[in-house]
Amino acid sequence: MVKQHSIIVGNRTVDLTRELLVDEGGNVVPLRPRAWLVLQLLATRAGRLVGKDEILDHVWSDCEVTEDSLVQAIGDIRRALGTAGRTALRTLPRRGYMLAVNGEPTDATLRSDIAPSTPPHIGALTGSSAMPHLSIVVLPFANLSGDPEQDYFVDGVTESLTTDLSRIAGSFVIARNTAFTFKGKAADVRQIGRELNVRYVLEGSVQRGGDRFRLNVQLIDTETATHLWAERFDKPAADLFDLQDEIVSRLANTLNAELVKAEARRAERSLRPGFMDLYFQGRAFLNKGVTPTFMAQARDFFARAIALDADNVEAAVAAAQIDVSVGSAFLTDNSSAHFEIAETALNKVLFQAPNHPRAHMLLGAIQLQTDRASIGIAECRRALLLDRNLADAHGFIGLGKYQIGRGEEVEGHVHEALRLSPRDTRAFLWYMFVGMGKLTTNAEREAIDWFRRSLEANRNHALSHFQFAAALALVGDLQEARSIAEAGLALDHGFTIRRYRINAKGNNPTYLAKRELFYEGMRLAGVPEL
């Protein structure tokens, strides 16, 4: 089958969807992470000059390096591309590099790059004019402050957001150089969609008044010009760099969920759904909550997606997340079997894509709950080094602190997750983690408040009901406790105190002793023993 977002270079395929370089036999060609990022950038701009400074800023944004690192990466890429490496990857002295595809003449592509012409269609990279899934351009935000000195802050938000959105699984984000050609121009989103071959436009404005910043942002469908989502941020203008980071993190996390919903709605209308259609529909069910029904529906979509593309990394990670969720939520009498399946799948993914943030995070989540809590916390921290916006990793670190008997530390980690993503689709889990920590530190009333927030955020999670019911029962609110427990049993008919006991997620003595509170509270709330 023809894979989306794939570029053929000689007898190699640069597969942007799976973030892999493969040979004619479908075998993965090893490439170090930084070299892959260079190749990925050149591939998305195939046939066009990419300057050295831009490559260095994009690939080594987290550290200071010399051009020697870039030269070494280029050498690695040429060797990985095989016989086509020397002719396809062109050096433009003192300027940068260009990836030529299908024997495209160097002079012609270079002229098209430096001439004031319309940017090329991204669809041309795959030989198709169809708009790629989850394709988006972040237009330069407008500075409404009337102060030219604020342009650096406004442009910084735009640039950082472009980089952070490119980390979203399955996304295709137009490079900032192309996006900035629209700066100061009236935006016709339909025309932009046609010119850049993207489904979505993100536009916004920033205004400073006194000691506050106000940012307005809108996500627009380029086919219909429909506004899909809008948000306003009104923040004190304290440290501009901290403010910029917070705004970008919140936007990236919110847009991740909003774009998944939009893509899933599109996929529902497809008569012949492809791999990515099925993948986004599965993601949408994952975001709804953790119930046996939602997990089964998500698993079916991912299985169908993997049947179309057995080696796709994103579907494998998403499928592993289902097993992690089933084991974590006590939806089975044998949680360990699901953790083993997920761990095997994630290790396979990390062999193919060593720097996949969510794969590292989910592996850490498994380790947290299989008596390797300290290792799991370290793995989640590694995931955050790979993706600073991965708010869920902070939540899991909080869970890890609970697992090792340090319940008083959970809240701080969850507040960090909420700072990055206050309306996250998984925030209901983070609230539950804090409630668990509070209950084990004899702060029952605070625990009740956090468990209540968990249910208000998402009622499709039986375990939150049972934990909440236990806390209510322990303070004597038996009537509400039994009502909450009944609602939990309606979501998961098979839950019992025995299942909760035999699937304890570790052997830490403090953790095991504190769990006795939950057994007693659930028993008082009417949760069945067997």
Protein backbone atom coordinates (compact mmCIF):
# COMPACT_ATOMS: atom_id res chain seq x y z
CA MET A 1 0.00 0.00 0.00
CA VAL A 2 1.09 3.64 -0.44
CA LYS A 3 1.85 5.15 2.93
CA GLN A 4 0.87 8.70 3.68
CA HIS A 5 3.61 11.26 4.28
CA SER A 6 6.23 9.01 2.62
CA ILE A 7 9.07 10.23 0.41
CA ILE A 8 11.02 7.91 -1.89
CA VAL A 9 14.75 8.60 -2.11
CA GLY A 10 16.47 6.06 -4.36
CA ASN A 11 15.64 2.66 -2.86
CA ARG A 12 14.86 4.13 0.56
CA THR A 13 11.54 5.39 1.96
CA VAL A 14 11.46 8.27 4.43
CA ASP A 15 8.26 7.40 6.32
CA LEU A 16 7.25 10.55 8.20
CA THR A 17 4.18 8.95 9.75
CA ARG A 18 6.15 6.20 11.45
CA GLU A 19 9.29 8.31 11.86
CA LEU A 20 11.38 5.64 10.18
CA LEU A 21 13.77 5.18 7.27
CA VAL A 22 13.18 1.83 5.55
CA ASP A 23 14.84 0.01 2.64
CA GLU A 24 13.21 -1.66 -0.36
CA GLY A 25 12.54 -4.80 1.67
CA GLY A 26 10.71 -2.88 4.39
CA ASN A 27 13.57 -3.21 6.88
CA VAL A 28 14.32 -0.32 9.24
CA VAL A 29 17.58 1.48 8.42
CA PRO A 30 19.24 2.55 11.72
CA LEU A 31 19.64 6.30 12.14
CA ARG A 32 20.59 8.18 15.27
CA PRO A 33 17.86 10.42 16.75
CA ARG A 34 19.41 13.81 15.82
CA ALA A 35 20.23 12.61 12.30
CA TRP A 36 16.63 11.47 11.92
CA LEU A 37 15.37 14.92 12.95
CA VAL A 38 17.59 16.52 10.31
CA LEU A 39 16.31 14.10 7.65
CA GLN A 40 12.71 14.68 8.77
CA LEU A 41 13.09 18.45 8.41
CA LEU A 42 14.71 18.13 4.96
CA ALA A 43 12.03 15.67 3.84
CA THR A 44 9.16 17.96 4.80
CA ARG A 45 10.86 20.68 2.76
CA ALA A 46 11.98 18.39 -0.10
CA GLY A 47 13.37 20.24 -3.11
CA ARG A 48 13.94 23.43 -1.10
CA LEU A 49 16.97 24.94 0.55
CA VAL A 50 17.04 24.59 4.34
CA GLY A 51 19.60 26.88 5.95
CA LYS A 52 22.21 25.62 8.38
CA ASP A 53 21.05 27.91 11.16
CA GLU A 54 17.46 26.76 10.81
CA ILE A 55 18.52 23.11 11.02
CA LEU A 56 20.64 23.77 14.08
CA ASP A 57 17.83 25.71 15.78
CA HIS A 58 15.28 23.00 14.98
CA VAL A 59 17.30 19.90 15.86
CA TRP A 60 19.58 21.16 18.64
CA SER A 61 17.25 23.69 20.26
CA ASP A 62 17.95 22.19 23.70
CA CYS A 63 21.73 22.62 23.60
CA GLU A 64 24.61 24.55 22.06
CA VAL A 65 26.60 22.73 19.36
CA THR A 66 29.00 23.58 16.55
CA GLU A 67 28.44 22.91 12.84
CA ASP A 68 30.50 19.75 13.29
CA SER A 69 27.42 18.07 14.79
CA LEU A 70 25.38 18.98 11.72
CA VAL A 71 28.10 17.78 9.35
CA GLN A 72 28.26 14.47 11.22
CA ALA A 73 24.46 14.08 11.01
CA ILE A 74 24.52 14.81 7.26
CA GLY A 75 27.19 12.14 6.83
CA ASP A 76 25.06 9.65 8.77
CA ILE A 77 22.04 10.44 6.57
CA ARG A 78 24.01 10.04 3.33
CA ARG A 79 25.26 6.63 4.45
CA ALA A 80 21.75 5.60 5.53
CA LEU A 81 20.28 6.65 2.17
CA GLY A 82 22.67 4.28 0.42
CA THR A 83 23.56 4.77 -3.25
CA ALA A 84 21.21 7.75 -3.55
CA GLY A 85 22.77 9.55 -0.61
CA ARG A 86 25.38 11.56 -2.51
CA THR A 87 23.07 12.82 -5.27
CA ALA A 88 19.82 13.19 -3.32
CA LEU A 89 21.20 15.08 -0.32
CA ARG A 90 22.79 18.20 -1.80
CA THR A 91 25.13 20.61 -0.02
CA LEU A 92 24.72 24.27 -0.96
CA PRO A 93 28.05 25.78 0.17
CA ARG A 94 27.86 28.27 3.06
CA ARG A 95 24.05 28.15 2.88
CA GLY A 96 22.54 24.81 3.83
CA TYR A 97 21.23 21.54 2.48
CA MET A 98 18.47 20.30 0.19
CA LEU A 99 16.88 16.87 -0.25
CA ALA A 100 16.16 16.30 -3.94
CA VAL A 101 13.45 13.75 -4.77
CA ASN A 102 12.92 11.76 -7.96
CA GLY A 103 15.94 13.29 -9.67
CA GLU A 104 14.62 16.83 -9.41
CA PRO A 105 17.22 19.24 -10.93
CA THR A 106 19.16 21.17 -8.32
CA ASP A 107 19.01 24.50 -10.15
CA ALA A 108 15.25 24.35 -10.69
CA THR A 109 14.45 23.53 -7.08
CA LEU A 110 16.86 26.13 -5.80
CA ARG A 111 15.34 28.82 -8.03
CA SER A 112 11.87 27.93 -6.76
CA ASP A 113 13.13 28.24 -3.22
CA ILE A 114 14.62 31.72 -3.51
CA ALA A 115 12.07 33.18 -5.90
CA PRO A 116 9.01 34.98 -4.43
CA SER A 117 6.61 32.24 -5.44
CA THR A 118 3.75 30.36 -3.81
CA PRO A 119 4.96 27.73 -1.32
CA PRO A 120 4.79 24.18 -2.70
CA HIS A 121 1.93 21.87 -1.86
CA ILE A 122 2.88 19.50 0.89
CA GLY A 123 0.81 16.85 -0.92
CA ALA A 124 3.38 16.97 -3.72
CA LEU A 125 5.78 15.13 -1.45
CA THR A 126 3.71 11.98 -1.71
CA GLY A 127 2.48 12.46 -5.25
CA SER A 128 -1.05 13.14 -3.99
CA SER A 129 -3.05 16.34 -3.61
CA ALA A 130 -5.11 14.91 -0.74
CA MET A 131 -4.74 16.92 2.44
CA PRO A 132 -2.69 15.00 5.03
CA HIS A 133 -4.39 14.01 8.27
CA LEU A 134 -3.90 16.46 11.12
CA SER A 135 -2.07 18.92 8.87
CA ILE A 136 -1.85 22.43 10.29
CA VAL A 137 -0.16 25.78 9.84
CA VAL A 138 0.35 28.19 12.74
CA LEU A 139 -0.01 31.66 11.25
CA PRO A 140 2.06 34.43 12.85
CA PHE A 141 0.06 35.81 15.75
CA ALA A 142 -0.95 39.46 15.48
CA ASN A 143 0.56 41.98 17.90
CA LEU A 144 -2.34 44.20 18.95
CA SER A 145 -0.37 46.07 21.60
CA GLY A 146 0.75 48.86 19.27
CA ASP A 147 4.26 48.31 20.59
CA PRO A 148 6.75 46.95 18.02
CA GLU A 149 9.03 45.88 20.86
CA GLN A 150 6.48 43.18 21.74
CA ASP A 151 6.91 41.53 18.33
CA TYR A 152 9.66 39.28 19.66
CA PHE A 153 7.30 37.84 22.27
CA VAL A 154 4.44 37.37 19.80
CA ASP A 155 6.73 35.74 17.21
CA GLY A 156 8.23 33.58 19.93
CA VAL A 157 4.81 32.17 20.82
CA THR A 158 4.19 31.38 17.15
CA GLU A 159 7.55 29.70 16.62
CA SER A 160 7.47 27.66 19.83
CA LEU A 161 3.93 26.52 19.15
CA THR A 162 4.92 25.38 15.66
CA THR A 163 7.71 23.27 17.15
CA ASP A 164 5.58 21.83 19.95
CA LEU A 165 2.65 20.92 17.69
CA SER A 166 5.03 18.92 15.51
CA ARG A 167 5.47 16.55 18.48
CA ILE A 168 1.80 15.52 18.35
CA ALA A 169 1.51 11.97 17.06
CA GLY A 170 0.41 11.90 13.44
CA SER A 171 0.67 15.66 12.95
CA PHE A 172 2.01 17.41 9.85
CA VAL A 173 3.00 20.99 10.70
CA ILE A 174 4.11 23.58 8.15
CA ALA A 175 7.59 24.95 8.90
CA ARG A 176 7.78 28.41 10.46
CA ASN A 177 9.65 29.95 7.49
CA THR A 178 6.73 29.21 5.19
CA ALA A 179 4.17 30.25 7.81
CA PHE A 180 5.87 33.61 8.34
CA THR A 181 5.40 34.55 4.67
CA PHE A 182 1.80 35.28 5.70
CA LYS A 183 2.78 37.70 8.48
CA GLY A 184 0.81 40.94 8.36
CA LYS A 185 -1.46 39.72 5.57
CA ALA A 186 -5.22 39.27 5.68
CA ALA A 187 -5.85 35.55 6.10
CA ASP A 188 -8.16 33.73 3.68
CA VAL A 189 -8.10 30.35 5.39
CA ARG A 190 -9.59 28.51 2.42
CA GLN A 191 -6.87 29.88 0.14
CA ILE A 192 -4.16 29.08 2.67
CA GLY A 193 -5.50 25.55 2.96
CA ARG A 194 -5.28 25.11 -0.82
CA GLU A 195 -1.82 26.67 -1.12
CA LEU A 196 -0.25 24.73 1.73
CA ASN A 197 -2.49 21.65 1.43
CA VAL A 198 -3.44 21.66 5.12
CA ARG A 199 -6.69 20.91 6.91
CA TYR A 200 -6.35 23.39 9.77
CA VAL A 201 -5.17 26.92 10.42
CA LEU A 202 -4.34 28.21 13.88
CA GLU A 203 -4.42 31.98 14.18
CA GLY A 204 -4.33 34.32 17.12
CA SER A 205 -3.51 37.70 18.57
CA VAL A 206 -1.65 39.01 21.58
CA GLN A 207 -2.33 42.26 23.40
CA ARG A 208 -0.53 43.75 26.37
CA GLY A 209 -2.30 46.12 28.68
CA GLY A 210 -0.44 47.35 31.72
CA ASP A 211 0.93 44.36 33.57
CA ARG A 212 -1.27 41.75 31.83
CA PHE A 213 -1.16 39.83 28.56
CA ARG A 214 -4.26 38.70 26.70
CA LEU A 215 -3.99 36.04 24.00
CA ASN A 216 -6.86 34.96 21.75
CA VAL A 217 -6.50 31.90 19.54
CA GLN A 218 -8.78 30.08 17.07
CA LEU A 219 -8.55 26.74 15.29
CA ILE A 220 -10.18 26.86 11.85
CA ASP A 221 -11.12 24.17 9.32
CA THR A 222 -9.68 25.30 5.96
CA GLU A 223 -12.26 23.43 3.87
CA THR A 224 -15.30 25.06 5.47
CA ALA A 225 -13.75 28.09 7.24
CA THR A 226 -15.55 26.83 10.36
CA HIS A 227 -14.16 27.79 13.77
CA LEU A 228 -13.62 24.48 15.55
CA TRP A 229 -12.25 25.80 18.83
CA ALA A 230 -11.34 29.09 20.46
CA GLU A 231 -9.63 30.04 23.70
CA ARG A 232 -8.55 33.17 25.54
CA PHE A 233 -5.64 33.46 27.96
CA ASP A 234 -5.45 36.41 30.34
CA LYS A 235 -2.25 36.26 32.37
CA PRO A 236 -0.06 38.58 34.46
CA ALA A 237 2.99 39.73 32.50
CA ALA A 238 5.58 38.64 35.01
CA ASP A 239 8.42 36.69 33.40
CA LEU A 240 7.79 36.78 29.65
CA PHE A 241 9.75 33.60 28.92
CA ASP A 242 7.89 31.64 31.60
CA LEU A 243 4.62 33.09 30.30
CA GLN A 244 5.48 32.08 26.74
CA ASP A 245 6.33 28.52 27.80
CA GLU A 246 3.12 28.17 29.79
CA ILE A 247 0.92 29.48 26.97
CA VAL A 248 2.57 27.25 24.39
CA SER A 249 2.33 24.15 26.61
CA ARG A 250 -1.34 24.74 27.36
CA LEU A 251 -2.16 25.38 23.71
CA ALA A 252 -0.25 22.34 22.49
CA ASN A 253 -1.93 20.02 24.98
CA THR A 254 -5.41 21.41 24.33
CA LEU A 255 -4.95 21.31 20.57
CA ASN A 256 -3.80 17.70 20.76
CA ALA A 257 -7.22 16.68 22.10
CA GLU A 258 -9.16 19.07 19.85
CA LEU A 259 -7.40 17.90 16.69
CA VAL A 260 -7.96 14.25 17.58
CA LYS A 261 -11.70 14.99 17.97
CA ALA A 262 -11.80 16.82 14.65
CA GLU A 263 -9.96 14.02 12.83
CA ALA A 264 -12.19 11.37 14.42
CA ARG A 265 -15.32 13.23 13.22
CA ARG A 266 -13.89 13.33 9.70
CA ALA A 267 -13.07 9.62 9.86
CA GLU A 268 -16.64 8.73 10.84
CA ARG A 269 -17.77 10.08 7.46
CA SER A 270 -15.26 8.01 5.52
CA LEU A 271 -16.70 5.08 3.57
CA ARG A 272 -13.28 3.46 3.25
CA PRO A 273 -11.28 4.49 6.33
CA GLY A 274 -7.53 4.28 6.03
CA PHE A 275 -4.96 3.62 8.72
CA MET A 276 -4.94 7.17 10.08
CA ASP A 277 -8.76 7.37 10.07
CA LEU A 278 -8.91 4.27 12.25
CA TYR A 279 -6.08 5.50 14.46
CA PHE A 280 -7.78 8.81 15.28
CA GLN A 281 -11.11 7.12 15.94
CA GLY A 282 -9.36 4.84 18.42
CA ARG A 283 -7.66 7.85 20.05
CA ALA A 284 -11.04 9.53 20.44
CA PHE A 285 -12.39 6.55 22.40
CA LEU A 286 -9.26 6.51 24.57
CA ASN A 287 -9.99 10.13 25.47
CA LYS A 288 -13.56 9.38 26.56
CA GLY A 289 -12.66 7.47 29.71
CA VAL A 290 -11.62 4.08 31.07
CA THR A 291 -14.51 1.64 30.90
CA PRO A 292 -14.62 -1.91 29.49
CA THR A 293 -16.79 -0.65 26.62
CA PHE A 294 -14.56 2.28 25.62
CA MET A 295 -11.42 0.15 25.91
CA ALA A 296 -12.92 -2.56 23.69
CA GLN A 297 -14.00 -0.03 21.06
CA ALA A 298 -10.59 1.68 21.04
CA ARG A 299 -8.81 -1.68 20.83
CA ASP A 300 -10.90 -2.66 17.78
CA PHE A 301 -9.96 0.53 15.91
CA PHE A 302 -6.26 0.11 16.68
CA ALA A 303 -6.34 -3.56 15.67
CA ARG A 304 -7.88 -2.59 12.32
CA ALA A 305 -5.29 0.15 11.88
CA ILE A 306 -2.42 -2.25 12.63
CA ALA A 307 -3.89 -4.73 10.14
CA LEU A 308 -3.37 -2.06 7.46
CA ASP A 309 0.14 -1.16 8.66
CA ALA A 310 1.63 -3.74 11.01
CA ASP A 311 4.76 -1.72 11.79
CA ASN A 312 3.17 1.62 12.62
CA VAL A 313 4.64 2.97 15.84
CA GLU A 314 1.75 5.24 16.86
CA ALA A 315 -0.89 2.51 16.66
CA ALA A 316 1.36 0.17 18.64
CA VAL A 317 1.80 2.78 21.40
CA ALA A 318 -1.93 3.49 21.51
CA ALA A 319 -2.76 -0.21 21.67
CA ALA A 320 -0.26 -0.63 24.52
CA GLN A 321 -1.96 2.25 26.35
CA ILE A 322 -5.19 0.23 26.39
CA ASP A 323 -3.49 -2.65 28.21
CA VAL A 324 -1.86 -0.19 30.63
CA SER A 325 -5.28 1.38 31.31
CA VAL A 326 -7.04 -1.99 31.76
CA GLY A 327 -4.40 -3.14 34.23
CA SER A 328 -4.25 0.19 36.06
CA ALA A 329 -8.04 0.49 36.46
CA PHE A 330 -8.49 -3.07 37.80
CA LEU A 331 -10.80 -3.98 34.91
CA THR A 332 -9.47 -7.55 35.09
CA ASP A 333 -8.51 -10.14 37.69
CA ASN A 334 -5.08 -10.43 36.05
CA SER A 335 -3.59 -6.97 35.70
CA SER A 336 -0.06 -8.35 35.40
CA ALA A 337 -0.88 -10.12 32.13
CA HIS A 338 -1.95 -6.82 30.55
CA PHE A 339 1.15 -5.05 31.86
CA GLU A 340 3.35 -7.80 30.37
CA ILE A 341 1.67 -7.48 26.96
CA ALA A 342 2.04 -3.70 27.00
CA GLU A 343 5.67 -3.80 28.15
CA THR A 344 6.61 -6.20 25.34
CA ALA A 345 4.90 -3.98 22.76
CA LEU A 346 6.52 -0.80 24.09
CA ASN A 347 10.00 -2.31 24.12
CA LYS A 348 9.47 -3.24 20.46
CA VAL A 349 8.43 0.34 19.71
CA LEU A 350 11.45 1.78 21.49
CA PHE A 351 13.73 -0.47 19.45
CA GLN A 352 12.30 1.17 16.32
CA ALA A 353 11.87 4.68 17.74
CA PRO A 354 14.23 5.07 20.75
CA ASN A 355 13.07 8.63 21.54
CA HIS A 356 9.31 8.17 21.48
CA PRO A 357 8.14 10.19 24.54
CA ARG A 358 4.79 8.49 25.15
CA ALA A 359 6.34 5.04 24.79
CA HIS A 360 8.86 5.92 27.51
CA MET A 361 6.11 7.37 29.70
CA LEU A 362 3.85 4.32 29.37
CA LEU A 363 6.78 2.00 30.04
CA GLY A 364 7.40 4.06 33.18
CA ALA A 365 3.73 3.72 34.15
CA ILE A 366 4.03 -0.06 33.91
CA GLN A 367 7.19 -0.08 36.01
CA LEU A 368 5.46 2.06 38.64
CA GLN A 369 2.77 -0.57 39.02
CA THR A 370 4.92 -3.69 38.87
CA ASP A 371 7.11 -3.10 41.91
CA ARG A 372 9.71 -0.99 40.04
CA ALA A 373 8.49 2.41 41.12
CA SER A 374 11.85 4.19 41.29
CA ILE A 375 12.76 2.99 37.79
CA GLY A 376 9.31 4.03 36.56
CA ILE A 377 9.68 7.55 37.95
CA ALA A 378 13.04 7.88 36.18
CA GLU A 379 11.50 6.64 32.93
CA CYS A 380 8.73 9.25 33.17
CA ARG A 381 11.34 11.95 33.76
CA ARG A 382 13.13 10.74 30.62
CA ALA A 383 9.88 11.12 28.69
CA LEU A 384 9.65 14.74 29.88
CA LEU A 385 13.15 15.44 28.60
CA LEU A 386 11.95 14.26 25.19
CA ASP A 387 8.68 16.22 25.34
CA ARG A 388 8.41 18.98 27.93
CA ASN A 389 4.64 19.24 27.31
CA LEU A 390 3.88 15.64 28.30
CA ALA A 391 1.73 16.58 31.27
CA ASP A 392 0.62 12.99 31.83
CA ALA A 393 4.20 12.09 32.77
CA HIS A 394 3.99 14.48 35.74
CA GLY A 395 0.76 12.76 36.77
CA PHE A 396 2.41 9.35 36.64
CA ILE A 397 5.36 10.59 38.70
CA GLY A 398 2.79 11.62 41.31
CA LEU A 399 1.33 8.11 41.19
CA GLY A 400 4.86 6.74 41.64
CA LYS A 401 5.30 8.77 44.81
CA TYR A 402 2.07 7.22 46.12
CA GLN A 403 3.35 3.74 45.22
CA ILE A 404 6.49 4.22 47.33
CA GLY A 405 4.52 5.50 50.31
CA ARG A 406 5.09 9.24 49.85
CA GLY A 407 1.47 10.28 49.38
CA GLU A 408 2.14 13.81 50.63
CA GLU A 409 4.21 14.52 47.49
CA VAL A 410 1.57 13.55 44.93
CA GLU A 411 -0.24 16.90 44.84
CA GLY A 412 2.84 18.88 43.80
CA HIS A 413 3.41 16.71 40.72
CA VAL A 414 -0.24 16.90 39.74
CA HIS A 415 -0.20 20.69 40.01
CA GLU A 416 2.70 20.67 37.53
CA ALA A 417 0.64 18.51 35.16
CA LEU A 418 -2.30 20.88 35.49
CA ARG A 419 -0.07 23.90 34.84
CA LEU A 420 0.82 22.40 31.47
CA SER A 421 -2.64 21.10 30.64
CA PRO A 422 -5.42 22.33 32.95
CA ARG A 423 -8.24 20.84 30.83
CA ASP A 424 -6.51 17.62 29.91
CA THR A 425 -8.66 14.64 28.93
CA ARG A 426 -6.77 12.62 31.56
CA ALA A 427 -6.98 15.15 34.39
CA PHE A 428 -9.61 12.98 36.10
CA LEU A 429 -6.85 10.42 36.74
CA TRP A 430 -4.52 13.01 38.20
CA TYR A 431 -7.24 14.21 40.59
CA MET A 432 -7.76 10.60 41.68
CA PHE A 433 -4.03 10.20 42.34
CA VAL A 434 -4.06 13.21 44.69
CA GLY A 435 -7.14 11.82 46.46
CA MET A 436 -5.35 8.53 47.02
CA GLY A 437 -2.33 10.35 48.43
CA LYS A 438 -4.47 12.52 50.71
CA LEU A 439 -6.37 9.53 52.09
CA THR A 440 -3.14 7.80 53.04
CA THR A 441 -1.91 10.91 54.89
CA ASN A 442 -5.05 11.11 57.05
CA ALA A 443 -6.45 14.10 55.13
CA GLU A 444 -9.80 12.44 54.43
CA ARG A 445 -11.82 15.58 53.72
CA GLU A 446 -9.21 16.85 51.26
CA ALA A 447 -9.20 13.41 49.64
CA ILE A 448 -12.98 13.63 49.21
CA ASP A 449 -12.64 17.01 47.47
CA TRP A 450 -10.10 15.60 44.99
CA PHE A 451 -12.13 12.46 44.31
CA ARG A 452 -15.19 14.61 43.69
CA ARG A 453 -13.20 16.69 41.19
CA SER A 454 -12.19 13.47 39.47
CA LEU A 455 -15.82 12.45 38.91
CA GLU A 456 -16.81 15.94 37.84
CA ALA A 457 -14.04 15.85 35.21
CA ASN A 458 -15.06 12.44 33.86
CA ARG A 459 -17.59 9.96 35.24
CA ASN A 460 -16.46 7.19 32.88
CA HIS A 461 -13.93 5.71 35.30
CA ALA A 462 -15.15 3.10 37.74
CA LEU A 463 -12.05 3.13 39.94
CA SER A 464 -12.53 6.82 40.76
CA HIS A 465 -16.00 5.93 42.02
CA PHE A 466 -14.73 3.14 44.27
CA GLN A 467 -11.91 5.24 45.73
CA PHE A 468 -14.34 8.12 46.32
CA ALA A 469 -16.88 5.81 47.93
CA ALA A 470 -14.20 4.45 50.27
CA ALA A 471 -13.20 7.93 51.41
CA LEU A 472 -16.83 8.94 52.03
CA ALA A 473 -17.51 5.78 54.01
CA LEU A 474 -14.45 6.27 56.19
CA VAL A 475 -15.76 9.69 57.35
CA GLY A 476 -19.25 8.30 57.95
CA ASP A 477 -21.08 9.55 54.81
CA LEU A 478 -22.46 6.07 54.14
CA GLN A 479 -25.50 7.06 52.09
CA GLU A 480 -23.50 8.97 49.47
CA ALA A 481 -20.73 6.37 49.63
CA ARG A 482 -23.12 3.58 48.67
CA SER A 483 -24.65 5.66 45.89
CA ILE A 484 -21.22 6.36 44.41
CA ALA A 485 -20.20 2.71 44.71
CA GLU A 486 -23.35 1.62 42.88
CA ALA A 487 -22.54 4.02 40.03
CA GLY A 488 -19.04 2.51 39.84
CA LEU A 489 -20.42 -1.02 39.68
CA ALA A 490 -22.70 0.02 36.82
CA LEU A 491 -19.55 0.92 34.87
CA ASP A 492 -17.57 -2.19 35.89
CA HIS A 493 -19.79 -5.09 36.97
CA GLY A 494 -16.84 -7.34 37.77
CA PHE A 495 -15.05 -5.15 40.32
CA THR A 496 -14.56 -6.66 43.78
CA ILE A 497 -12.45 -5.90 46.84
CA ARG A 498 -10.68 -9.21 46.18
CA ARG A 499 -9.68 -8.03 42.67
CA TYR A 500 -8.38 -4.77 44.12
CA ARG A 501 -6.41 -6.66 46.80
CA ILE A 502 -4.77 -9.34 44.62
CA ASN A 503 -3.68 -6.77 42.03
CA ALA A 504 -1.73 -4.57 44.45
CA LYS A 505 0.79 -2.58 42.39
CA GLY A 506 3.87 -3.15 44.52
CA ASN A 507 5.34 -4.56 47.73
CA ASN A 508 6.34 -1.35 49.50
CA PRO A 509 5.29 -1.94 53.15
CA THR A 510 3.98 1.61 53.63
CA TYR A 511 1.95 1.39 50.41
CA LEU A 512 0.48 -2.01 51.37
CA ALA A 513 -0.41 -0.85 54.88
CA LYS A 514 -2.18 2.25 53.56
CA ARG A 515 -4.24 0.13 51.13
CA GLU A 516 -6.02 -1.40 54.12
CA LEU A 517 -7.90 1.92 54.42
CA PHE A 518 -9.33 1.44 50.93
CA TYR A 519 -10.40 -2.15 51.62
CA GLU A 520 -12.24 -1.06 54.76
CA GLY A 521 -13.85 1.96 53.12
CA MET A 522 -15.01 0.00 50.08
CA ARG A 523 -16.45 -2.69 52.35
CA LEU A 524 -18.45 -0.05 54.27
CA ALA A 525 -19.63 1.46 50.97
CA GLY A 526 -21.08 -1.86 49.83
CA VAL A 527 -18.52 -2.88 47.24
CA PRO A 528 -18.71 -6.71 46.98
CA GLU A 529 -15.94 -8.68 48.66
CA LEU A 530 -15.82 -11.47 46.05
